[in-house]
Amino acid sequence: MIIQNNRLTVTLQQPGREYRRSRFDWGAIISGIVLDNKVSFCSQEAIGDNLGTEGTGLTFEFGINKAVGYDEVKPGDFFPKIGVGFLKRESRDDYDFFHDYQVKPVDVSVKRDEQVHFIQQSPVINGYGWILDRSIGINENRLVVETCLKNSGEKRIITNEYCHNFLKLGDNPVGSQYLLGLSRDVSLCESKGVIQHDKRSISPDGEPESWFYCAAEEADNSGEFCWRLEHKECGIAVICEEKFNVSRFALWGMRHVISPEFFIEIDLKPQESLTWSRCYSFEQ
């Protein structure tokens, strides 16, 4: 499924057709973004024989470390994974987002008007249910993803959500020419691999031989956040306005991919809703 204008060509996956695993949302997977028919911005989580969890492009996930209802069910029973459906708990081990759980999927419908809407309405199981509506629209070199989540169940939903931005700036491998600029100070609490940083910028220190990762568990939760990922030499860039209170930040990458991640905290009583958006601009 493709949406395009005179600047952007955006490829969207059909829900449940290509990605059918238990980690990422099945709806609203943006697998390709091309600017001016020249510059591509999407990469993959993994290349070669090891496919990881098969993330690609702009891919969303709820509850990576706050699985809804997992601790309430015993092995053999199902717990909710918003955006996917219901997953089968297999053991007494903690929830592991890398693990492939058996999926009881909830269908995602697609509606098109000025935007493309991916809508998932779950049944209520063990007191949990939701209505998820993600809309995607483009205007010139801008792409807007708006998300509305409603708690349609009987129990409170406490979780988080982020976009796993699997990015690459054109044909340029990830390295020291990549610079992530941040609109507010971030103090890293965790760092693995070789990176260089100050409070408002982060960059790989040379071309990484393996993966790198850094995180700020307590980001400034006082309002919207803007970041800019650019290649310093050629000027290709992605700018994103995270239009919500950012609670956590992480950056992960390898030579073929770099992924800035900004989290929103979610706490919804039955019948409550929450709406938030991400606005991307692409430059060359």
C-alpha atoms as a PDB file:
ATOM      1  CA  MET A   1       0.000   0.000   0.000  1.00  0.00           C
ATOM      2  CA  ILE A   2       1.542   3.316  -1.106  1.00  0.00           C
ATOM      3  CA  ILE A   3       0.692   6.936  -0.364  1.00  0.00           C
ATOM      4  CA  GLN A   4       2.594   9.675  -2.146  1.00  0.00           C
ATOM      5  CA  ASN A   5       2.727  13.316  -3.135  1.00  0.00           C
ATOM      6  CA  ASN A   6       5.238  15.425  -5.074  1.00  0.00           C
ATOM      7  CA  ARG A   7       7.910  14.951  -2.364  1.00  0.00           C
ATOM      8  CA  LEU A   8       7.304  11.711  -0.448  1.00  0.00           C
ATOM      9  CA  THR A   9       6.578   8.100  -1.364  1.00  0.00           C
ATOM     10  CA  VAL A  10       5.527   6.107   1.703  1.00  0.00           C
ATOM     11  CA  THR A  11       5.029   2.335   1.712  1.00  0.00           C
ATOM     12  CA  LEU A  12       2.661   0.842   4.310  1.00  0.00           C
ATOM     13  CA  GLN A  13       2.368  -2.865   5.042  1.00  0.00           C
ATOM     14  CA  GLN A  14      -1.007  -4.556   4.839  1.00  0.00           C
ATOM     15  CA  PRO A  15      -1.879  -5.618   8.413  1.00  0.00           C
ATOM     16  CA  GLY A  16      -1.088  -9.250   9.118  1.00  0.00           C
ATOM     17  CA  ARG A  17       0.215  -9.986   5.628  1.00  0.00           C
ATOM     18  CA  GLU A  18       3.993  -9.589   6.084  1.00  0.00           C
ATOM     19  CA  TYR A  19       4.582  -9.165   9.814  1.00  0.00           C
ATOM     20  CA  ARG A  20       2.862 -11.764  12.032  1.00  0.00           C
ATOM     21  CA  ARG A  21       5.028 -11.991  15.132  1.00  0.00           C
ATOM     22  CA  SER A  22       4.257 -11.097  18.729  1.00  0.00           C
ATOM     23  CA  ARG A  23       6.321  -7.955  19.345  1.00  0.00           C
ATOM     24  CA  PHE A  24       5.343  -5.068  17.067  1.00  0.00           C
ATOM     25  CA  ASP A  25       1.950  -3.668  16.074  1.00  0.00           C
ATOM     26  CA  TRP A  26       0.509  -5.389  13.033  1.00  0.00           C
ATOM     27  CA  GLY A  27      -1.106  -2.168  11.792  1.00  0.00           C
ATOM     28  CA  ALA A  28       0.630   1.015  10.620  1.00  0.00           C
ATOM     29  CA  ILE A  29       4.032  -0.492   9.792  1.00  0.00           C
ATOM     30  CA  ILE A  30       5.775   2.047   7.554  1.00  0.00           C
ATOM     31  CA  SER A  31       8.331  -0.008   5.646  1.00  0.00           C
ATOM     32  CA  GLY A  32       9.517   2.582   3.117  1.00  0.00           C
ATOM     33  CA  ILE A  33      10.003   6.362   2.949  1.00  0.00           C
ATOM     34  CA  VAL A  34      11.616   7.954  -0.126  1.00  0.00           C
ATOM     35  CA  LEU A  35      12.162  11.702  -0.549  1.00  0.00           C
ATOM     36  CA  ASP A  36      12.150  13.276  -4.034  1.00  0.00           C
ATOM     37  CA  ASN A  37      12.458   9.828  -5.657  1.00  0.00           C
ATOM     38  CA  LYS A  38      16.090   9.700  -4.493  1.00  0.00           C
ATOM     39  CA  VAL A  39      16.748   9.383  -0.785  1.00  0.00           C
ATOM     40  CA  SER A  40      15.526   6.412   1.240  1.00  0.00           C
ATOM     41  CA  PHE A  41      15.176   6.609   5.032  1.00  0.00           C
ATOM     42  CA  CYS A  42      14.030   3.158   6.173  1.00  0.00           C
ATOM     43  CA  SER A  43      16.187   0.240   7.201  1.00  0.00           C
ATOM     44  CA  GLN A  44      15.657  -3.125   8.868  1.00  0.00           C
ATOM     45  CA  GLU A  45      16.257  -4.311  12.392  1.00  0.00           C
ATOM     46  CA  ALA A  46      18.579  -7.059  11.201  1.00  0.00           C
ATOM     47  CA  ILE A  47      20.166  -8.258   7.978  1.00  0.00           C
ATOM     48  CA  GLY A  48      21.577 -11.635   6.992  1.00  0.00           C
ATOM     49  CA  ASP A  49      20.435 -14.908   8.491  1.00  0.00           C
ATOM     50  CA  ASN A  50      19.455 -13.498  11.901  1.00  0.00           C
ATOM     51  CA  LEU A  51      16.258 -11.483  11.387  1.00  0.00           C
ATOM     52  CA  GLY A  52      15.905 -10.439  15.030  1.00  0.00           C
ATOM     53  CA  THR A  53      12.241  -9.670  15.664  1.00  0.00           C
ATOM     54  CA  GLU A  54      11.733  -8.507  12.037  1.00  0.00           C
ATOM     55  CA  GLY A  55      11.251  -4.805  12.686  1.00  0.00           C
ATOM     56  CA  THR A  56      11.428  -2.491   9.688  1.00  0.00           C
ATOM     57  CA  GLY A  57      11.049   1.218   9.019  1.00  0.00           C
ATOM     58  CA  LEU A  58       8.747   2.966  11.483  1.00  0.00           C
ATOM     59  CA  THR A  59       7.377   0.217  13.707  1.00  0.00           C
ATOM     60  CA  PHE A  60       5.393   0.682  16.913  1.00  0.00           C
ATOM     61  CA  GLU A  61       5.267  -1.290  20.143  1.00  0.00           C
ATOM     62  CA  PHE A  62       3.256  -1.188  23.362  1.00  0.00           C
ATOM     63  CA  GLY A  63       4.577  -2.531  26.646  1.00  0.00           C
ATOM     64  CA  ILE A  64       8.164  -3.492  25.839  1.00  0.00           C
ATOM     65  CA  ASN A  65       8.867  -3.391  29.585  1.00  0.00           C
ATOM     66  CA  LYS A  66       5.303  -2.924  30.892  1.00  0.00           C
ATOM     67  CA  ALA A  67       3.349  -5.901  29.582  1.00  0.00           C
ATOM     68  CA  VAL A  68      -0.356  -5.469  30.294  1.00  0.00           C
ATOM     69  CA  GLY A  69      -1.898  -8.265  32.360  1.00  0.00           C
ATOM     70  CA  TYR A  70       1.062 -10.640  32.073  1.00  0.00           C
ATOM     71  CA  ASP A  71       1.486 -11.141  35.819  1.00  0.00           C
ATOM     72  CA  GLU A  72      -2.244 -11.852  36.231  1.00  0.00           C
ATOM     73  CA  VAL A  73      -2.348 -14.989  34.099  1.00  0.00           C
ATOM     74  CA  LYS A  74      -0.836 -18.415  34.593  1.00  0.00           C
ATOM     75  CA  PRO A  75       1.117 -20.345  31.960  1.00  0.00           C
ATOM     76  CA  GLY A  76      -1.249 -21.492  29.221  1.00  0.00           C
ATOM     77  CA  ASP A  77      -3.529 -18.436  29.479  1.00  0.00           C
ATOM     78  CA  PHE A  78      -3.576 -15.362  27.237  1.00  0.00           C
ATOM     79  CA  PHE A  79      -2.624 -11.760  28.044  1.00  0.00           C
ATOM     80  CA  PRO A  80      -3.140  -8.621  25.914  1.00  0.00           C
ATOM     81  CA  LYS A  81      -0.565  -7.109  23.581  1.00  0.00           C
ATOM     82  CA  ILE A  82      -2.074  -3.903  22.208  1.00  0.00           C
ATOM     83  CA  GLY A  83      -1.589  -3.643  18.449  1.00  0.00           C
ATOM     84  CA  VAL A  84      -1.154  -7.410  18.087  1.00  0.00           C
ATOM     85  CA  GLY A  85      -3.891  -9.274  19.966  1.00  0.00           C
ATOM     86  CA  PHE A  86      -3.594 -11.732  22.836  1.00  0.00           C
ATOM     87  CA  LEU A  87      -0.420 -13.711  23.558  1.00  0.00           C
ATOM     88  CA  LYS A  88      -0.084 -17.044  25.316  1.00  0.00           C
ATOM     89  CA  ARG A  89       2.002 -17.059  28.481  1.00  0.00           C
ATOM     90  CA  GLU A  90       4.206 -20.135  28.260  1.00  0.00           C
ATOM     91  CA  SER A  91       6.141 -20.229  31.528  1.00  0.00           C
ATOM     92  CA  ARG A  92       6.648 -18.548  34.885  1.00  0.00           C
ATOM     93  CA  ASP A  93       9.520 -16.498  33.468  1.00  0.00           C
ATOM     94  CA  ASP A  94       9.234 -12.726  33.177  1.00  0.00           C
ATOM     95  CA  TYR A  95       7.810 -11.258  29.988  1.00  0.00           C
ATOM     96  CA  ASP A  96      10.457 -11.127  27.245  1.00  0.00           C
ATOM     97  CA  PHE A  97       9.747  -8.939  24.201  1.00  0.00           C
ATOM     98  CA  PHE A  98      12.333 -10.911  22.180  1.00  0.00           C
ATOM     99  CA  HIS A  99      10.411 -14.155  22.687  1.00  0.00           C
ATOM    100  CA  ASP A 100       7.964 -15.349  20.030  1.00  0.00           C
ATOM    101  CA  TYR A 101       4.715 -15.959  21.900  1.00  0.00           C
ATOM    102  CA  GLN A 102       1.772 -17.753  20.366  1.00  0.00           C
ATOM    103  CA  VAL A 103      -0.533 -15.069  18.966  1.00  0.00           C
ATOM    104  CA  LYS A 104      -4.305 -14.921  18.983  1.00  0.00           C
ATOM    105  CA  PRO A 105      -4.495 -11.943  16.606  1.00  0.00           C
ATOM    106  CA  VAL A 106      -7.075  -9.167  16.597  1.00  0.00           C
ATOM    107  CA  ASP A 107      -7.888  -7.973  13.076  1.00  0.00           C
ATOM    108  CA  VAL A 108      -6.814  -4.517  11.943  1.00  0.00           C
ATOM    109  CA  SER A 109      -9.102  -2.757   9.469  1.00  0.00           C
ATOM    110  CA  VAL A 110      -7.904  -0.095   7.028  1.00  0.00           C
ATOM    111  CA  LYS A 111      -9.872   3.041   6.172  1.00  0.00           C
ATOM    112  CA  ARG A 112      -8.757   5.741   3.743  1.00  0.00           C
ATOM    113  CA  ASP A 113      -9.842   9.376   3.580  1.00  0.00           C
ATOM    114  CA  GLU A 114      -7.316  12.232   3.611  1.00  0.00           C
ATOM    115  CA  GLN A 115      -5.271   9.858   5.749  1.00  0.00           C
ATOM    116  CA  VAL A 116      -4.871   6.096   6.121  1.00  0.00           C
ATOM    117  CA  HIS A 117      -6.386   4.755   9.363  1.00  0.00           C
ATOM    118  CA  PHE A 118      -5.411   1.429  10.919  1.00  0.00           C
ATOM    119  CA  ILE A 119      -8.126   0.477  13.413  1.00  0.00           C
ATOM    120  CA  GLN A 120      -8.021  -2.426  15.866  1.00  0.00           C
ATOM    121  CA  GLN A 121     -10.950  -3.166  18.174  1.00  0.00           C
ATOM    122  CA  SER A 122     -10.303  -6.053  20.529  1.00  0.00           C
ATOM    123  CA  PRO A 123     -12.736  -8.258  22.401  1.00  0.00           C
ATOM    124  CA  VAL A 124     -12.635  -8.024  26.191  1.00  0.00           C
ATOM    125  CA  ILE A 125     -10.648 -10.949  27.617  1.00  0.00           C
ATOM    126  CA  ASN A 126      -9.805 -11.231  31.326  1.00  0.00           C
ATOM    127  CA  GLY A 127     -11.131  -7.689  31.728  1.00  0.00           C
ATOM    128  CA  TYR A 128      -8.844  -6.120  29.104  1.00  0.00           C
ATOM    129  CA  GLY A 129      -9.922  -4.564  25.831  1.00  0.00           C
ATOM    130  CA  TRP A 130      -8.946  -1.625  23.621  1.00  0.00           C
ATOM    131  CA  ILE A 131      -9.681   0.360  20.494  1.00  0.00           C
ATOM    132  CA  LEU A 132      -6.536   1.520  18.697  1.00  0.00           C
ATOM    133  CA  ASP A 133      -6.698   3.991  15.799  1.00  0.00           C
ATOM    134  CA  ARG A 134      -3.468   5.057  14.095  1.00  0.00           C
ATOM    135  CA  SER A 135      -3.717   7.486  11.198  1.00  0.00           C
ATOM    136  CA  ILE A 136      -0.934   8.307   8.734  1.00  0.00           C
ATOM    137  CA  GLY A 137      -0.900  11.332   6.466  1.00  0.00           C
ATOM    138  CA  ILE A 138       1.637  13.244   4.374  1.00  0.00           C
ATOM    139  CA  ASN A 139       2.018  16.881   3.335  1.00  0.00           C
ATOM    140  CA  GLU A 140       4.996  17.905   1.187  1.00  0.00           C
ATOM    141  CA  ASN A 141       8.048  16.468   3.001  1.00  0.00           C
ATOM    142  CA  ARG A 142       6.177  15.826   6.269  1.00  0.00           C
ATOM    143  CA  LEU A 143       4.670  12.616   7.594  1.00  0.00           C
ATOM    144  CA  VAL A 144       2.275  12.673  10.566  1.00  0.00           C
ATOM    145  CA  VAL A 145       1.332   9.635  12.655  1.00  0.00           C
ATOM    146  CA  GLU A 146      -1.529  10.250  15.080  1.00  0.00           C
ATOM    147  CA  THR A 147      -2.516   7.610  17.610  1.00  0.00           C
ATOM    148  CA  CYS A 148      -5.681   7.324  19.674  1.00  0.00           C
ATOM    149  CA  LEU A 149      -6.013   4.533  22.248  1.00  0.00           C
ATOM    150  CA  LYS A 150      -9.251   3.883  24.127  1.00  0.00           C
ATOM    151  CA  ASN A 151      -9.596   1.478  27.043  1.00  0.00           C
ATOM    152  CA  SER A 152     -12.748  -0.473  26.142  1.00  0.00           C
ATOM    153  CA  GLY A 153     -12.277  -3.067  28.875  1.00  0.00           C
ATOM    154  CA  GLU A 154     -13.091  -3.331  32.563  1.00  0.00           C
ATOM    155  CA  LYS A 155      -9.563  -3.046  33.978  1.00  0.00           C
ATOM    156  CA  ARG A 156      -7.081  -0.185  34.032  1.00  0.00           C
ATOM    157  CA  ILE A 157      -4.412  -0.196  31.303  1.00  0.00           C
ATOM    158  CA  ILE A 158      -0.946   0.850  32.492  1.00  0.00           C
ATOM    159  CA  THR A 159       1.767   0.541  29.872  1.00  0.00           C
ATOM    160  CA  ASN A 160       3.970   2.561  27.525  1.00  0.00           C
ATOM    161  CA  GLU A 161       4.439   2.983  23.775  1.00  0.00           C
ATOM    162  CA  TYR A 162       7.183   4.091  21.410  1.00  0.00           C
ATOM    163  CA  CYS A 163       8.123   4.028  17.747  1.00  0.00           C
ATOM    164  CA  HIS A 164      11.132   1.896  16.902  1.00  0.00           C
ATOM    165  CA  ASN A 165      12.505   4.128  14.141  1.00  0.00           C
ATOM    166  CA  PHE A 166      14.657   1.772  12.057  1.00  0.00           C
ATOM    167  CA  LEU A 167      16.416   4.487  10.038  1.00  0.00           C
ATOM    168  CA  LYS A 168      19.281   4.953   7.613  1.00  0.00           C
ATOM    169  CA  LEU A 169      20.126   8.219   5.877  1.00  0.00           C
ATOM    170  CA  GLY A 170      20.331   7.357   2.196  1.00  0.00           C
ATOM    171  CA  ASP A 171      23.137   4.960   1.317  1.00  0.00           C
ATOM    172  CA  ASN A 172      25.384   6.223   4.106  1.00  0.00           C
ATOM    173  CA  PRO A 173      26.447   3.584   6.659  1.00  0.00           C
ATOM    174  CA  VAL A 174      25.976   4.518  10.297  1.00  0.00           C
ATOM    175  CA  GLY A 175      29.080   6.104  11.755  1.00  0.00           C
ATOM    176  CA  SER A 176      30.551   9.272  13.217  1.00  0.00           C
ATOM    177  CA  GLN A 177      28.931  11.422  10.509  1.00  0.00           C
ATOM    178  CA  TYR A 178      25.534  10.579  12.027  1.00  0.00           C
ATOM    179  CA  LEU A 179      24.495  13.097  14.678  1.00  0.00           C
ATOM    180  CA  LEU A 180      21.357  12.970  16.810  1.00  0.00           C
ATOM    181  CA  GLY A 181      20.446  16.418  18.138  1.00  0.00           C
ATOM    182  CA  LEU A 182      17.954  16.772  21.005  1.00  0.00           C
ATOM    183  CA  SER A 183      15.756  19.724  21.949  1.00  0.00           C
ATOM    184  CA  ARG A 184      16.296  19.274  25.681  1.00  0.00           C
ATOM    185  CA  ASP A 185      18.988  17.942  27.965  1.00  0.00           C
ATOM    186  CA  VAL A 186      19.220  14.157  28.331  1.00  0.00           C
ATOM    187  CA  SER A 187      21.380  12.485  30.983  1.00  0.00           C
ATOM    188  CA  LEU A 188      22.290   8.943  30.000  1.00  0.00           C
ATOM    189  CA  CYS A 189      21.913   6.251  32.641  1.00  0.00           C
ATOM    190  CA  GLU A 190      23.090   3.409  30.414  1.00  0.00           C
ATOM    191  CA  SER A 191      25.519   3.170  27.525  1.00  0.00           C
ATOM    192  CA  LYS A 192      26.915   0.190  25.614  1.00  0.00           C
ATOM    193  CA  GLY A 193      29.163   0.312  22.593  1.00  0.00           C
ATOM    194  CA  VAL A 194      31.219   3.262  21.431  1.00  0.00           C
ATOM    195  CA  ILE A 195      29.348   6.556  21.319  1.00  0.00           C
ATOM    196  CA  GLN A 196      30.150  10.193  21.976  1.00  0.00           C
ATOM    197  CA  HIS A 197      27.636  12.530  23.554  1.00  0.00           C
ATOM    198  CA  ASP A 198      26.829  15.638  25.489  1.00  0.00           C
ATOM    199  CA  LYS A 199      23.463  16.572  27.006  1.00  0.00           C
ATOM    200  CA  ARG A 200      21.889  17.513  23.660  1.00  0.00           C
ATOM    201  CA  SER A 201      23.672  15.411  21.049  1.00  0.00           C
ATOM    202  CA  ILE A 202      24.754  11.809  20.518  1.00  0.00           C
ATOM    203  CA  SER A 203      26.861  10.278  17.769  1.00  0.00           C
ATOM    204  CA  PRO A 204      28.558   6.925  17.095  1.00  0.00           C
ATOM    205  CA  ASP A 205      32.311   7.192  17.526  1.00  0.00           C
ATOM    206  CA  GLY A 206      33.410   5.730  14.211  1.00  0.00           C
ATOM    207  CA  GLU A 207      31.659   2.968  12.276  1.00  0.00           C
ATOM    208  CA  PRO A 208      30.345   0.448  14.813  1.00  0.00           C
ATOM    209  CA  GLU A 209      31.675  -3.096  14.584  1.00  0.00           C
ATOM    210  CA  SER A 210      28.745  -4.336  16.663  1.00  0.00           C
ATOM    211  CA  TRP A 211      25.583  -2.849  18.149  1.00  0.00           C
ATOM    212  CA  PHE A 212      25.502   0.212  20.367  1.00  0.00           C
ATOM    213  CA  TYR A 213      22.862   1.381  22.840  1.00  0.00           C
ATOM    214  CA  CYS A 214      22.227   4.192  25.262  1.00  0.00           C
ATOM    215  CA  ALA A 215      19.225   5.228  27.332  1.00  0.00           C
ATOM    216  CA  ALA A 216      17.854   7.867  29.670  1.00  0.00           C
ATOM    217  CA  GLU A 217      15.260   6.243  31.915  1.00  0.00           C
ATOM    218  CA  GLU A 218      14.148   9.538  33.432  1.00  0.00           C
ATOM    219  CA  ALA A 219      13.818  12.006  30.579  1.00  0.00           C
ATOM    220  CA  ASP A 220      12.359  15.445  31.247  1.00  0.00           C
ATOM    221  CA  ASN A 221       8.659  14.576  31.363  1.00  0.00           C
ATOM    222  CA  SER A 222       7.547  18.189  30.984  1.00  0.00           C
ATOM    223  CA  GLY A 223       6.289  18.397  27.433  1.00  0.00           C
ATOM    224  CA  GLU A 224       6.922  17.763  23.764  1.00  0.00           C
ATOM    225  CA  PHE A 225      10.321  16.759  22.452  1.00  0.00           C
ATOM    226  CA  CYS A 226      12.035  17.371  19.115  1.00  0.00           C
ATOM    227  CA  TRP A 227      14.991  15.475  17.674  1.00  0.00           C
ATOM    228  CA  ARG A 228      17.028  15.746  14.491  1.00  0.00           C
ATOM    229  CA  LEU A 229      19.053  12.895  13.009  1.00  0.00           C
ATOM    230  CA  GLU A 230      21.420  14.119  10.315  1.00  0.00           C
ATOM    231  CA  HIS A 231      24.400  13.084   8.247  1.00  0.00           C
ATOM    232  CA  LYS A 232      26.827  15.937   8.862  1.00  0.00           C
ATOM    233  CA  GLU A 233      28.623  15.675   5.528  1.00  0.00           C
ATOM    234  CA  CYS A 234      25.763  15.270   3.036  1.00  0.00           C
ATOM    235  CA  GLY A 235      22.981  17.042   4.969  1.00  0.00           C
ATOM    236  CA  ILE A 236      20.353  14.288   4.758  1.00  0.00           C
ATOM    237  CA  ALA A 237      18.187  14.534   7.864  1.00  0.00           C
ATOM    238  CA  VAL A 238      15.065  13.382   9.698  1.00  0.00           C
ATOM    239  CA  ILE A 239      13.383  15.737  12.164  1.00  0.00           C
ATOM    240  CA  CYS A 240      10.662  14.466  14.480  1.00  0.00           C
ATOM    241  CA  GLU A 241       8.372  16.327  16.864  1.00  0.00           C
ATOM    242  CA  GLU A 242       7.208  13.936  19.584  1.00  0.00           C
ATOM    243  CA  LYS A 243       3.942  15.610  20.592  1.00  0.00           C
ATOM    244  CA  PHE A 244       3.536  14.159  24.075  1.00  0.00           C
ATOM    245  CA  ASN A 245       5.330  14.103  27.406  1.00  0.00           C
ATOM    246  CA  VAL A 246       8.441  12.024  26.751  1.00  0.00           C
ATOM    247  CA  SER A 247       9.197   9.781  29.720  1.00  0.00           C
ATOM    248  CA  ARG A 248      12.129   7.753  28.389  1.00  0.00           C
ATOM    249  CA  PHE A 249      14.668   7.919  25.599  1.00  0.00           C
ATOM    250  CA  ALA A 250      16.842   5.250  23.997  1.00  0.00           C
ATOM    251  CA  LEU A 251      19.147   5.005  20.995  1.00  0.00           C
ATOM    252  CA  TRP A 252      20.094   1.683  19.443  1.00  0.00           C
ATOM    253  CA  GLY A 253      21.971   0.934  16.259  1.00  0.00           C
ATOM    254  CA  MET A 254      24.401  -1.032  14.124  1.00  0.00           C
ATOM    255  CA  ARG A 255      26.292  -0.211  10.944  1.00  0.00           C
ATOM    256  CA  HIS A 256      23.159  -0.599   8.793  1.00  0.00           C
ATOM    257  CA  VAL A 257      20.549   1.002  11.088  1.00  0.00           C
ATOM    258  CA  ILE A 258      20.087   3.627  13.788  1.00  0.00           C
ATOM    259  CA  SER A 259      16.986   3.848  15.974  1.00  0.00           C
ATOM    260  CA  PRO A 260      16.048   6.811  18.191  1.00  0.00           C
ATOM    261  CA  GLU A 261      13.177   5.799  20.503  1.00  0.00           C
ATOM    262  CA  PHE A 262      10.969   8.134  22.577  1.00  0.00           C
ATOM    263  CA  PHE A 263       8.409   6.709  25.013  1.00  0.00           C
ATOM    264  CA  ILE A 264       5.000   7.845  26.207  1.00  0.00           C
ATOM    265  CA  GLU A 265       3.536   6.577  29.490  1.00  0.00           C
ATOM    266  CA  ILE A 266      -0.091   5.376  29.351  1.00  0.00           C
ATOM    267  CA  ASP A 267      -2.511   5.064  32.274  1.00  0.00           C
ATOM    268  CA  LEU A 268      -6.137   4.641  31.195  1.00  0.00           C
ATOM    269  CA  LYS A 269      -9.150   3.812  33.322  1.00  0.00           C
ATOM    270  CA  PRO A 270     -12.035   1.958  31.630  1.00  0.00           C
ATOM    271  CA  GLN A 271     -13.566   4.057  28.833  1.00  0.00           C
ATOM    272  CA  GLU A 272     -10.786   6.665  28.963  1.00  0.00           C
ATOM    273  CA  SER A 273      -8.870   7.646  25.807  1.00  0.00           C
ATOM    274  CA  LEU A 274      -5.507   9.194  25.026  1.00  0.00           C
ATOM    275  CA  THR A 275      -4.311  10.790  21.768  1.00  0.00           C
ATOM    276  CA  TRP A 276      -0.745  11.641  20.765  1.00  0.00           C
ATOM    277  CA  SER A 277       1.191  12.227  17.558  1.00  0.00           C
ATOM    278  CA  ARG A 278       4.598  12.181  15.903  1.00  0.00           C
ATOM    279  CA  CYS A 279       5.411  14.607  13.088  1.00  0.00           C
ATOM    280  CA  TYR A 280       8.366  13.729  10.849  1.00  0.00           C
ATOM    281  CA  SER A 281      10.103  15.954   8.295  1.00  0.00           C
ATOM    282  CA  PHE A 282      12.602  14.625   5.767  1.00  0.00           C
ATOM    283  CA  GLU A 283      15.381  16.749   4.235  1.00  0.00           C
ATOM    284  CA  GLN A 284      18.268  16.433   1.831  1.00  0.00           C
END
